[in-house]
N, C-alpha and C. Protein backbone atom coordinates (compact mmCIF):
# COMPACT_ATOMS: atom_id res chain seq x y z
N PRO A 1 25.47 -195.03 -7.53
CA PRO A 1 25.73 -196.32 -6.72
C PRO A 1 25.30 -195.99 -5.32
N GLU A 2 24.97 -196.96 -4.53
CA GLU A 2 24.64 -196.95 -3.12
C GLU A 2 25.88 -197.01 -2.33
N GLY A 3 25.71 -196.76 -0.94
CA GLY A 3 26.82 -196.80 -0.10
C GLY A 3 27.54 -195.44 0.07
N LYS A 4 28.64 -195.59 0.86
CA LYS A 4 29.49 -194.37 1.18
C LYS A 4 30.23 -194.01 -0.12
N GLN A 5 30.42 -192.71 -0.42
CA GLN A 5 31.25 -192.37 -1.62
C GLN A 5 32.32 -191.43 -1.06
N ILE A 6 33.36 -191.32 -1.80
CA ILE A 6 34.60 -190.45 -1.41
C ILE A 6 34.50 -189.07 -2.19
N HIS A 7 34.43 -188.01 -1.40
CA HIS A 7 34.25 -186.82 -1.89
C HIS A 7 35.61 -185.95 -1.53
N LEU A 8 35.87 -184.91 -2.24
CA LEU A 8 37.00 -183.93 -2.01
C LEU A 8 36.37 -182.56 -2.05
N VAL A 9 36.76 -181.84 -0.92
CA VAL A 9 36.20 -180.51 -0.62
C VAL A 9 37.39 -179.57 -0.60
N PRO A 10 37.49 -178.55 -1.34
CA PRO A 10 38.56 -177.55 -1.35
C PRO A 10 38.68 -177.01 0.05
N ALA A 11 40.06 -176.84 0.50
CA ALA A 11 40.26 -176.38 1.92
C ALA A 11 39.58 -175.01 2.20
N HIS A 12 39.53 -174.21 1.22
CA HIS A 12 39.02 -172.92 1.30
C HIS A 12 37.37 -172.84 1.28
N GLY A 13 36.88 -174.09 1.08
CA GLY A 13 35.42 -174.15 0.98
C GLY A 13 34.98 -174.40 -0.52
N GLY A 14 33.79 -174.56 -0.69
CA GLY A 14 33.26 -174.74 -1.95
C GLY A 14 32.48 -176.06 -2.15
N THR A 15 32.30 -176.32 -3.44
CA THR A 15 31.56 -177.56 -3.84
C THR A 15 32.38 -178.72 -3.69
N ALA A 16 31.68 -179.83 -3.05
CA ALA A 16 32.41 -181.14 -2.92
C ALA A 16 32.44 -181.75 -4.36
N GLU A 17 33.50 -182.48 -4.67
CA GLU A 17 33.61 -183.24 -5.85
C GLU A 17 33.60 -184.59 -5.53
N ARG A 18 32.76 -185.41 -6.13
CA ARG A 18 32.66 -186.78 -5.88
C ARG A 18 33.71 -187.51 -6.69
N LEU A 19 34.73 -188.32 -6.05
CA LEU A 19 35.73 -188.93 -6.56
C LEU A 19 35.54 -190.40 -6.94
N SER A 20 34.77 -191.10 -6.00
CA SER A 20 34.52 -192.52 -6.13
C SER A 20 33.38 -192.80 -7.08
N SER A 21 33.53 -193.88 -7.76
CA SER A 21 32.46 -194.38 -8.72
C SER A 21 31.55 -195.41 -8.07
N GLY A 22 31.95 -196.03 -6.98
CA GLY A 22 31.31 -196.96 -6.30
C GLY A 22 31.47 -196.93 -4.74
N PRO A 23 30.83 -197.82 -4.05
CA PRO A 23 30.86 -197.63 -2.50
C PRO A 23 32.35 -197.80 -2.03
N ALA A 24 32.62 -197.18 -0.94
CA ALA A 24 34.00 -197.27 -0.25
C ALA A 24 33.92 -197.17 1.22
N GLY A 25 34.88 -197.69 1.87
CA GLY A 25 34.90 -197.67 3.28
C GLY A 25 36.44 -197.51 3.69
N SER A 26 36.70 -197.22 4.93
CA SER A 26 37.97 -197.15 5.55
C SER A 26 38.95 -196.46 4.71
N VAL A 27 38.81 -195.12 4.55
CA VAL A 27 39.68 -194.30 3.62
C VAL A 27 40.91 -193.91 4.29
N GLN A 28 42.06 -194.00 3.48
CA GLN A 28 43.41 -193.60 3.97
C GLN A 28 44.10 -192.94 2.88
N TRP A 29 44.66 -191.73 3.05
CA TRP A 29 45.39 -191.06 2.01
C TRP A 29 46.85 -191.69 2.05
N SER A 30 47.48 -191.60 0.85
CA SER A 30 48.91 -192.14 0.76
C SER A 30 49.69 -191.05 1.36
N ARG A 31 51.00 -191.47 1.74
CA ARG A 31 51.91 -190.42 2.33
C ARG A 31 52.13 -189.14 1.34
N ASP A 32 52.28 -189.47 0.05
CA ASP A 32 52.56 -188.46 -0.73
C ASP A 32 51.44 -187.59 -1.32
N GLY A 33 50.24 -187.96 -0.89
CA GLY A 33 48.99 -187.27 -1.14
C GLY A 33 48.50 -187.45 -2.66
N LYS A 34 49.12 -188.50 -3.30
CA LYS A 34 48.74 -188.64 -4.81
C LYS A 34 47.52 -189.61 -4.94
N ARG A 35 47.40 -190.46 -3.81
CA ARG A 35 46.33 -191.49 -3.98
C ARG A 35 45.55 -191.61 -2.64
N ILE A 36 44.34 -192.02 -2.80
CA ILE A 36 43.52 -192.39 -1.57
C ILE A 36 43.30 -193.92 -1.75
N TYR A 37 43.58 -194.61 -0.67
CA TYR A 37 43.27 -196.08 -0.57
C TYR A 37 42.07 -196.28 0.24
N PHE A 38 41.24 -197.31 -0.22
CA PHE A 38 40.04 -197.54 0.64
C PHE A 38 39.66 -199.09 0.37
N MET A 39 38.78 -199.53 1.40
CA MET A 39 38.33 -200.86 1.31
C MET A 39 37.05 -200.82 0.38
N GLY A 40 36.89 -201.68 -0.58
CA GLY A 40 35.71 -201.82 -1.31
C GLY A 40 34.60 -202.19 -0.45
N ALA A 41 33.42 -201.70 -0.81
CA ALA A 41 32.18 -202.00 -0.12
C ALA A 41 31.07 -202.50 -1.12
N ASP A 42 30.10 -203.20 -0.61
CA ASP A 42 29.08 -203.75 -1.39
C ASP A 42 29.51 -204.63 -2.41
N GLU A 43 29.38 -204.42 -3.79
CA GLU A 43 29.81 -205.31 -4.79
C GLU A 43 31.33 -205.26 -4.91
N ARG A 44 31.98 -204.28 -4.40
CA ARG A 44 33.47 -204.28 -4.42
C ARG A 44 34.13 -204.69 -3.13
N ALA A 45 33.28 -205.31 -2.25
CA ALA A 45 33.87 -205.67 -0.99
C ALA A 45 34.93 -206.84 -1.05
N GLY A 46 35.83 -206.85 0.01
CA GLY A 46 36.86 -207.86 -0.03
C GLY A 46 38.15 -207.61 -0.81
N ASN A 47 38.26 -206.33 -1.31
CA ASN A 47 39.43 -205.84 -1.94
C ASN A 47 39.85 -204.45 -1.54
N ILE A 48 41.18 -204.20 -1.55
CA ILE A 48 41.56 -202.77 -1.20
C ILE A 48 41.74 -202.12 -2.68
N TRP A 49 41.29 -200.87 -2.74
CA TRP A 49 41.24 -200.10 -3.97
C TRP A 49 42.09 -198.83 -3.77
N ALA A 50 42.59 -198.24 -4.83
CA ALA A 50 43.26 -197.01 -4.78
C ALA A 50 42.56 -196.08 -5.87
N LEU A 51 42.61 -194.85 -5.61
CA LEU A 51 42.05 -193.73 -6.33
C LEU A 51 43.28 -192.79 -6.69
N SER A 52 43.52 -192.52 -7.84
CA SER A 52 44.48 -191.69 -8.29
C SER A 52 43.99 -190.39 -8.38
N LEU A 53 44.49 -189.41 -7.52
CA LEU A 53 43.90 -188.05 -7.54
C LEU A 53 44.16 -187.27 -8.91
N LYS A 54 45.29 -187.49 -9.43
CA LYS A 54 45.73 -186.84 -10.70
C LYS A 54 44.87 -187.26 -11.83
N GLU A 55 44.61 -188.59 -11.90
CA GLU A 55 43.90 -189.19 -13.09
C GLU A 55 42.45 -189.40 -12.76
N ARG A 56 41.98 -189.16 -11.53
CA ARG A 56 40.60 -189.33 -11.07
C ARG A 56 40.19 -190.77 -11.51
N ARG A 57 40.96 -191.79 -11.27
CA ARG A 57 40.73 -193.11 -11.67
C ARG A 57 40.92 -194.16 -10.49
N GLU A 58 39.95 -195.02 -10.33
CA GLU A 58 40.04 -196.06 -9.32
C GLU A 58 40.59 -197.29 -9.98
N PHE A 59 41.26 -198.07 -9.10
CA PHE A 59 41.81 -199.44 -9.64
C PHE A 59 42.06 -200.41 -8.34
N PRO A 60 41.74 -201.64 -8.52
CA PRO A 60 41.95 -202.61 -7.35
C PRO A 60 43.44 -202.76 -7.12
N VAL A 61 43.80 -202.83 -5.87
CA VAL A 61 45.14 -203.01 -5.30
C VAL A 61 45.26 -204.57 -5.13
N THR A 62 44.27 -205.13 -4.61
CA THR A 62 44.28 -206.64 -4.37
C THR A 62 43.17 -207.33 -5.28
N ASN A 63 43.31 -208.63 -5.33
CA ASN A 63 42.46 -209.47 -6.09
C ASN A 63 42.02 -210.64 -5.23
N LEU A 64 41.19 -210.43 -4.22
CA LEU A 64 40.92 -211.44 -3.17
C LEU A 64 39.54 -212.01 -3.37
N THR A 65 38.67 -211.45 -4.24
CA THR A 65 37.31 -211.93 -4.44
C THR A 65 37.22 -213.35 -4.73
N GLY A 66 36.49 -214.08 -4.07
CA GLY A 66 36.34 -215.59 -4.18
C GLY A 66 37.26 -216.35 -3.41
N ARG A 67 38.11 -215.74 -2.72
CA ARG A 67 39.14 -216.52 -1.75
C ARG A 67 38.54 -216.57 -0.42
N ARG A 68 39.16 -217.47 0.33
CA ARG A 68 38.70 -217.73 1.71
C ARG A 68 39.33 -216.58 2.60
N GLY A 69 38.63 -216.31 3.59
CA GLY A 69 39.10 -215.28 4.61
C GLY A 69 38.52 -213.95 4.29
N SER A 70 38.84 -212.96 5.08
CA SER A 70 38.41 -211.56 4.91
C SER A 70 39.48 -210.56 5.31
N LEU A 71 39.52 -209.38 4.85
CA LEU A 71 40.39 -208.36 5.22
C LEU A 71 40.10 -207.75 6.56
N GLY A 72 38.78 -207.93 6.98
CA GLY A 72 38.31 -207.31 8.25
C GLY A 72 38.27 -205.86 8.22
N PHE A 73 38.29 -205.19 9.34
CA PHE A 73 38.22 -203.71 9.31
C PHE A 73 39.46 -203.10 9.48
N GLN A 74 40.29 -203.13 8.46
CA GLN A 74 41.69 -202.56 8.50
C GLN A 74 41.86 -201.44 7.44
N SER A 75 42.98 -200.72 7.57
CA SER A 75 43.23 -199.66 6.62
C SER A 75 44.69 -200.15 6.26
N PRO A 76 45.03 -199.79 5.00
CA PRO A 76 46.47 -200.07 4.58
C PRO A 76 47.34 -199.09 5.23
N ALA A 77 48.59 -199.62 5.45
CA ALA A 77 49.65 -198.78 6.17
C ALA A 77 50.17 -197.89 5.07
N THR A 78 50.53 -196.74 5.48
CA THR A 78 50.97 -195.64 4.57
C THR A 78 52.43 -195.19 4.97
N ASP A 79 53.15 -196.05 5.67
CA ASP A 79 54.44 -195.61 6.10
C ASP A 79 55.52 -196.44 5.43
N GLY A 80 55.15 -196.89 4.26
CA GLY A 80 56.23 -197.55 3.54
C GLY A 80 56.35 -199.15 3.75
């Protein structure tokens, strides 16, 4: 897929692991470190997505496709 991807690099260095299966933007870690939230891009634009680090699975958090308005350039709050 085209666009920006989410990768995870070990703190001690090494090979980056691609985590996202599609384009992503405005990445934000959850407070507990178990998920990464991001804005969908390109064909996934207009929704917020989450990526479970344990399961290495992405899923939409919002279902706004086809609705009026836009999320703009925001990141989800991680302070509860």
